[in-house]
Structure formats: structure tokens, C-alpha cells
Amino acid sequence: MPDGDGPWCNAHAQDELPPIPFTTAALRVFDLSLSQMLWSRRTVFMALVVGGPVFIAAIVRLVLLLGLPTSIQPLARRSSGR
């Protein structure tokens, strides 16, 4: 059984590393949690749900603004023969 002096022992690891300042540690935790929240499935889904119609509307406005030909035509009323 090792007596705690080998490289696998973590007993002396704290003596070798300087302590991390509180603000640095807090900023690292904040950065990690923020990145996890931003890339969660729910956030990506909400971005697609909210951003999709906005993106489509911007494309339609750009096409109409540039005067590009479109195949969209208004529906004609059917005459009933009366």
C-alpha cells in the first residue's frame, strides 16, 4: 500500500499550487454556467422559433425591395356563373 508520497497521491498538490483569487474563480464559474445555458437545447429551440419568422420576413422584404420577380400571385375569385 502506498504511503502517500507517490505521484498518484494528491496530498501535496495544494502546497504546490497558489490559491485562485475569488473573482477569478467566480468569473470562471459564471462563464461556464452562462455558456451551458446559451447552448442548451431549449435556448437553441427558442432562438429558432423566434428567429425563424424574422429571418423569413427579412428575406421577403429584401426580395420585394429589390423588385425581383416572384411567383406569388393573389388568388383570383372564382366566378360562380351568376
Protein backbone atom coordinates (compact mmCIF):
# COMPACT_ATOMS: atom_id res chain seq x y z
CA MET A 1 0.00 0.00 0.00
CA PRO A 2 1.46 3.43 -0.92
CA ASP A 3 2.22 5.73 1.97
CA GLY A 4 1.12 8.97 0.26
CA ASP A 5 4.42 10.03 -1.29
CA GLY A 6 3.83 8.79 -4.83
CA PRO A 7 2.68 10.78 -7.88
CA TRP A 8 -0.83 9.28 -7.55
CA CYS A 9 -1.33 10.92 -4.19
CA ASN A 10 -2.97 14.35 -4.09
CA ALA A 11 -1.84 15.17 -0.55
CA HIS A 12 0.83 17.70 -1.56
CA ALA A 13 -0.98 19.17 -4.58
CA GLN A 14 -2.37 22.13 -2.62
CA ASP A 15 1.11 23.05 -1.41
CA GLU A 16 2.37 23.38 -4.98
CA LEU A 17 -0.47 25.43 -6.50
CA PRO A 18 -1.19 29.03 -5.48
CA PRO A 19 -4.78 29.73 -4.44
CA ILE A 20 -7.08 31.14 -7.11
CA PRO A 21 -8.46 34.63 -6.36
CA PHE A 22 -12.16 34.74 -5.57
CA THR A 23 -13.09 36.99 -8.51
CA THR A 24 -11.23 34.80 -11.00
CA ALA A 25 -12.94 31.68 -9.69
CA ALA A 26 -16.35 33.38 -9.67
CA LEU A 27 -15.88 34.60 -13.25
CA ARG A 28 -14.89 31.11 -14.39
CA VAL A 29 -17.98 29.58 -12.80
CA PHE A 30 -20.18 32.32 -14.30
CA ASP A 31 -18.65 31.81 -17.75
CA LEU A 32 -19.15 28.06 -17.57
CA SER A 33 -22.77 28.30 -16.43
CA LEU A 34 -23.59 31.01 -18.98
CA SER A 35 -22.11 29.00 -21.84
CA GLN A 36 -24.06 25.93 -20.72
CA MET A 37 -27.30 27.94 -20.60
CA LEU A 38 -26.72 29.51 -24.00
CA TRP A 39 -26.09 26.20 -25.72
CA SER A 40 -28.86 24.23 -24.08
CA ARG A 41 -31.45 22.60 -26.33
CA ARG A 42 -34.24 24.82 -25.04
CA THR A 43 -32.34 28.03 -25.82
CA VAL A 44 -31.41 26.88 -29.33
CA PHE A 45 -35.02 25.84 -29.96
CA MET A 46 -36.35 29.20 -28.76
CA ALA A 47 -33.84 31.03 -30.95
CA LEU A 48 -35.08 29.08 -33.97
CA VAL A 49 -38.75 29.63 -33.07
CA VAL A 50 -38.29 33.36 -32.57
CA GLY A 51 -35.64 33.99 -35.21
CA GLY A 52 -37.11 31.85 -37.98
CA PRO A 53 -40.10 34.06 -38.84
CA VAL A 54 -37.97 37.19 -38.52
CA PHE A 55 -35.42 35.75 -40.95
CA ILE A 56 -38.14 34.73 -43.43
CA ALA A 57 -39.77 38.18 -43.22
CA ALA A 58 -36.40 39.86 -43.84
CA ILE A 59 -35.84 37.72 -46.94
CA VAL A 60 -39.33 38.51 -48.28
CA ARG A 61 -38.82 42.25 -47.71
CA LEU A 62 -35.44 42.11 -49.42
CA VAL A 63 -36.92 40.32 -52.44
CA LEU A 64 -39.76 42.86 -52.69
CA LEU A 65 -37.40 45.80 -52.16
CA LEU A 66 -35.08 44.67 -54.94
CA GLY A 67 -38.02 44.12 -57.28
CA LEU A 68 -37.07 40.55 -58.06
CA PRO A 69 -39.72 38.57 -59.91
CA THR A 70 -41.86 36.42 -57.68
CA SER A 71 -44.22 33.61 -58.50
CA ILE A 72 -46.63 34.66 -55.75
CA GLN A 73 -49.86 36.00 -57.22
CA PRO A 74 -53.08 36.96 -55.50
CA LEU A 75 -55.83 34.40 -55.51
CA ALA A 76 -58.48 35.16 -58.11
CA ARG A 77 -62.10 34.88 -57.09
CA ARG A 78 -63.90 32.13 -58.84
CA SER A 79 -66.97 33.25 -60.67
CA SER A 80 -69.99 31.19 -59.84
CA GLY A 81 -71.63 31.91 -63.18
CA ARG A 82 -74.33 34.15 -61.76
